[in-house]
């Protein structure tokens, strides 16, 4: 586990963030109901899009480039949304609802992981 910080502002977005298992297993796990808890924050490497099928609550989604720079923010993506994507993304974050508003993440900010 690691701590997710906004290097641009110093704000902590998540006290702990998990790295997703291989993407196909992540997708199947959520669809079968054995996926991640909504309170868990997830970093999906080499991922340009996500869905919220099978989730029970909104999530905040952030798309990052190869350097951790925020390309797009999607706060409050509702459950059962079939797709939220950004074609230039190199990583995608699924965060607990309200994470973006609480920490004022903006496009252009750089997010970094600190080992816990």
C-alpha atoms as a PDB file:
ATOM      1  CA  UNK A   1       0.000   0.000   0.000  1.00  0.00           C
ATOM      2  CA  UNK A   2       1.060   3.571  -0.602  1.00  0.00           C
ATOM      3  CA  UNK A   3      -0.111   7.101   0.177  1.00  0.00           C
ATOM      4  CA  UNK A   4      -1.354   9.163  -2.773  1.00  0.00           C
ATOM      5  CA  UNK A   5      -0.280  12.820  -2.672  1.00  0.00           C
ATOM      6  CA  UNK A   6      -0.792  15.830  -4.872  1.00  0.00           C
ATOM      7  CA  UNK A   7       2.784  17.047  -5.394  1.00  0.00           C
ATOM      8  CA  UNK A   8       1.444  20.365  -6.667  1.00  0.00           C
ATOM      9  CA  UNK A   9      -0.401  21.204  -3.427  1.00  0.00           C
ATOM     10  CA  UNK A  10       0.904  18.718  -0.849  1.00  0.00           C
ATOM     11  CA  UNK A  11      -2.617  17.418  -0.166  1.00  0.00           C
ATOM     12  CA  UNK A  12      -3.135  13.732   0.605  1.00  0.00           C
ATOM     13  CA  UNK A  13      -5.785  12.222  -1.672  1.00  0.00           C
ATOM     14  CA  UNK A  14      -5.697   8.762  -0.131  1.00  0.00           C
ATOM     15  CA  UNK A  15      -4.078   7.372   3.017  1.00  0.00           C
ATOM     16  CA  UNK A  16      -3.803   4.030   1.250  1.00  0.00           C
ATOM     17  CA  UNK A  17      -4.080   3.100  -2.394  1.00  0.00           C
ATOM     18  CA  UNK A  18      -4.017  -0.393  -3.861  1.00  0.00           C
ATOM     19  CA  UNK A  19      -2.593  -1.399  -7.200  1.00  0.00           C
ATOM     20  CA  UNK A  20      -5.125  -3.305  -9.261  1.00  0.00           C
ATOM     21  CA  UNK A  21      -4.594  -6.860 -10.272  1.00  0.00           C
ATOM     22  CA  UNK A  22      -4.285  -7.463 -14.020  1.00  0.00           C
ATOM     23  CA  UNK A  23      -7.049  -5.471 -15.760  1.00  0.00           C
ATOM     24  CA  UNK A  24      -9.124  -8.435 -16.945  1.00  0.00           C
ATOM     25  CA  UNK A  25      -9.274  -9.894 -13.440  1.00  0.00           C
ATOM     26  CA  UNK A  26     -10.287  -6.468 -12.066  1.00  0.00           C
ATOM     27  CA  UNK A  27     -13.175  -6.219 -14.538  1.00  0.00           C
ATOM     28  CA  UNK A  28     -14.386  -9.757 -13.943  1.00  0.00           C
ATOM     29  CA  UNK A  29     -14.082  -9.381 -10.161  1.00  0.00           C
ATOM     30  CA  UNK A  30     -16.341  -6.340 -10.114  1.00  0.00           C
ATOM     31  CA  UNK A  31     -18.907  -7.940 -12.400  1.00  0.00           C
ATOM     32  CA  UNK A  32     -19.059 -11.051 -10.220  1.00  0.00           C
ATOM     33  CA  UNK A  33     -19.446  -9.022  -7.060  1.00  0.00           C
ATOM     34  CA  UNK A  34     -16.102 -10.100  -5.609  1.00  0.00           C
ATOM     35  CA  UNK A  35     -14.324  -6.887  -6.495  1.00  0.00           C
ATOM     36  CA  UNK A  36     -13.029  -4.012  -4.448  1.00  0.00           C
ATOM     37  CA  UNK A  37     -14.800  -2.237  -1.640  1.00  0.00           C
ATOM     38  CA  UNK A  38     -15.899   1.263  -2.621  1.00  0.00           C
ATOM     39  CA  UNK A  39     -13.814   2.802   0.158  1.00  0.00           C
ATOM     40  CA  UNK A  40     -10.683   1.313  -1.352  1.00  0.00           C
ATOM     41  CA  UNK A  41      -8.689   3.573  -3.640  1.00  0.00           C
ATOM     42  CA  UNK A  42      -7.299   1.833  -6.714  1.00  0.00           C
ATOM     43  CA  UNK A  43      -4.450   2.695  -9.100  1.00  0.00           C
ATOM     44  CA  UNK A  44      -4.898   1.028 -12.507  1.00  0.00           C
ATOM     45  CA  UNK A  45      -1.647   1.121 -14.464  1.00  0.00           C
ATOM     46  CA  UNK A  46      -1.797   1.021 -18.293  1.00  0.00           C
ATOM     47  CA  UNK A  47      -5.500   1.809 -18.145  1.00  0.00           C
ATOM     48  CA  UNK A  48      -7.381   4.362 -20.264  1.00  0.00           C
ATOM     49  CA  UNK A  49     -10.919   3.702 -19.102  1.00  0.00           C
ATOM     50  CA  UNK A  50     -13.023   2.187 -16.366  1.00  0.00           C
ATOM     51  CA  UNK A  51     -16.595   1.212 -15.638  1.00  0.00           C
ATOM     52  CA  UNK A  52     -18.618   1.245 -12.449  1.00  0.00           C
ATOM     53  CA  UNK A  53     -20.752  -1.802 -13.203  1.00  0.00           C
ATOM     54  CA  UNK A  54     -21.459  -3.651  -9.987  1.00  0.00           C
ATOM     55  CA  UNK A  55     -20.470  -0.813  -7.667  1.00  0.00           C
ATOM     56  CA  UNK A  56     -22.929   0.418  -5.054  1.00  0.00           C
ATOM     57  CA  UNK A  57     -21.718   3.997  -4.754  1.00  0.00           C
ATOM     58  CA  UNK A  58     -20.232   6.826  -6.791  1.00  0.00           C
ATOM     59  CA  UNK A  59     -16.467   6.987  -7.376  1.00  0.00           C
ATOM     60  CA  UNK A  60     -14.127   9.779  -8.353  1.00  0.00           C
ATOM     61  CA  UNK A  61     -12.005   8.937 -11.403  1.00  0.00           C
ATOM     62  CA  UNK A  62      -8.708  10.569 -12.391  1.00  0.00           C
ATOM     63  CA  UNK A  63      -6.788   9.988 -15.606  1.00  0.00           C
ATOM     64  CA  UNK A  64      -2.996  10.435 -15.529  1.00  0.00           C
ATOM     65  CA  UNK A  65      -0.200  10.661 -18.081  1.00  0.00           C
ATOM     66  CA  UNK A  66       3.085   8.724 -17.806  1.00  0.00           C
ATOM     67  CA  UNK A  67       4.478  11.312 -15.357  1.00  0.00           C
ATOM     68  CA  UNK A  68       1.507  11.309 -12.969  1.00  0.00           C
ATOM     69  CA  UNK A  69       0.133  14.574 -14.365  1.00  0.00           C
ATOM     70  CA  UNK A  70      -3.659  14.849 -14.150  1.00  0.00           C
ATOM     71  CA  UNK A  71      -5.226  14.834 -17.605  1.00  0.00           C
ATOM     72  CA  UNK A  72      -8.876  14.748 -16.561  1.00  0.00           C
ATOM     73  CA  UNK A  73     -11.003  14.514 -13.410  1.00  0.00           C
ATOM     74  CA  UNK A  74     -14.423  12.878 -13.267  1.00  0.00           C
ATOM     75  CA  UNK A  75     -15.957  13.380  -9.819  1.00  0.00           C
ATOM     76  CA  UNK A  76     -19.003  11.408  -8.747  1.00  0.00           C
ATOM     77  CA  UNK A  77     -19.189   8.801 -11.498  1.00  0.00           C
ATOM     78  CA  UNK A  78     -22.401   6.919 -10.640  1.00  0.00           C
ATOM     79  CA  UNK A  79     -22.788   3.157 -10.229  1.00  0.00           C
ATOM     80  CA  UNK A  80     -23.476   1.087 -13.331  1.00  0.00           C
ATOM     81  CA  UNK A  81     -21.805   3.543 -15.712  1.00  0.00           C
ATOM     82  CA  UNK A  82     -20.606   1.400 -18.643  1.00  0.00           C
ATOM     83  CA  UNK A  83     -17.549   3.511 -19.507  1.00  0.00           C
ATOM     84  CA  UNK A  84     -15.516   6.545 -18.523  1.00  0.00           C
ATOM     85  CA  UNK A  85     -12.362   6.904 -20.612  1.00  0.00           C
ATOM     86  CA  UNK A  86      -9.568   9.236 -21.685  1.00  0.00           C
ATOM     87  CA  UNK A  87      -7.628   8.119 -24.748  1.00  0.00           C
ATOM     88  CA  UNK A  88      -4.257   9.650 -23.756  1.00  0.00           C
ATOM     89  CA  UNK A  89      -4.240   8.261 -20.201  1.00  0.00           C
ATOM     90  CA  UNK A  90      -1.447   5.947 -19.035  1.00  0.00           C
ATOM     91  CA  UNK A  91      -3.021   5.253 -15.632  1.00  0.00           C
ATOM     92  CA  UNK A  92      -6.429   5.646 -14.053  1.00  0.00           C
ATOM     93  CA  UNK A  93      -7.356   6.155 -10.414  1.00  0.00           C
ATOM     94  CA  UNK A  94     -10.646   5.127  -8.834  1.00  0.00           C
ATOM     95  CA  UNK A  95     -11.014   7.079  -5.593  1.00  0.00           C
ATOM     96  CA  UNK A  96     -13.553   7.232  -2.810  1.00  0.00           C
ATOM     97  CA  UNK A  97     -16.381   9.668  -3.536  1.00  0.00           C
ATOM     98  CA  UNK A  98     -15.561  13.247  -2.593  1.00  0.00           C
ATOM     99  CA  UNK A  99     -11.784  12.786  -2.793  1.00  0.00           C
ATOM    100  CA  UNK A 100     -11.401  15.282  -5.635  1.00  0.00           C
ATOM    101  CA  UNK A 101     -13.538  18.005  -4.055  1.00  0.00           C
ATOM    102  CA  UNK A 102     -11.893  17.570  -0.651  1.00  0.00           C
ATOM    103  CA  UNK A 103      -8.376  17.962  -2.054  1.00  0.00           C
ATOM    104  CA  UNK A 104      -8.983  20.417  -4.930  1.00  0.00           C
ATOM    105  CA  UNK A 105      -7.293  18.289  -7.607  1.00  0.00           C
ATOM    106  CA  UNK A 106      -6.977  20.152 -10.909  1.00  0.00           C
ATOM    107  CA  UNK A 107      -5.932  19.211 -14.425  1.00  0.00           C
ATOM    108  CA  UNK A 108      -2.165  19.685 -14.594  1.00  0.00           C
ATOM    109  CA  UNK A 109      -1.484  18.715 -10.968  1.00  0.00           C
ATOM    110  CA  UNK A 110       1.070  15.938 -10.465  1.00  0.00           C
ATOM    111  CA  UNK A 111       0.109  13.000  -8.245  1.00  0.00           C
ATOM    112  CA  UNK A 112       2.756  10.875  -6.575  1.00  0.00           C
ATOM    113  CA  UNK A 113       2.859   7.719  -4.487  1.00  0.00           C
ATOM    114  CA  UNK A 114       4.729   7.627  -1.186  1.00  0.00           C
ATOM    115  CA  UNK A 115       5.422   4.220   0.302  1.00  0.00           C
ATOM    116  CA  UNK A 116       3.509   3.773   3.548  1.00  0.00           C
END
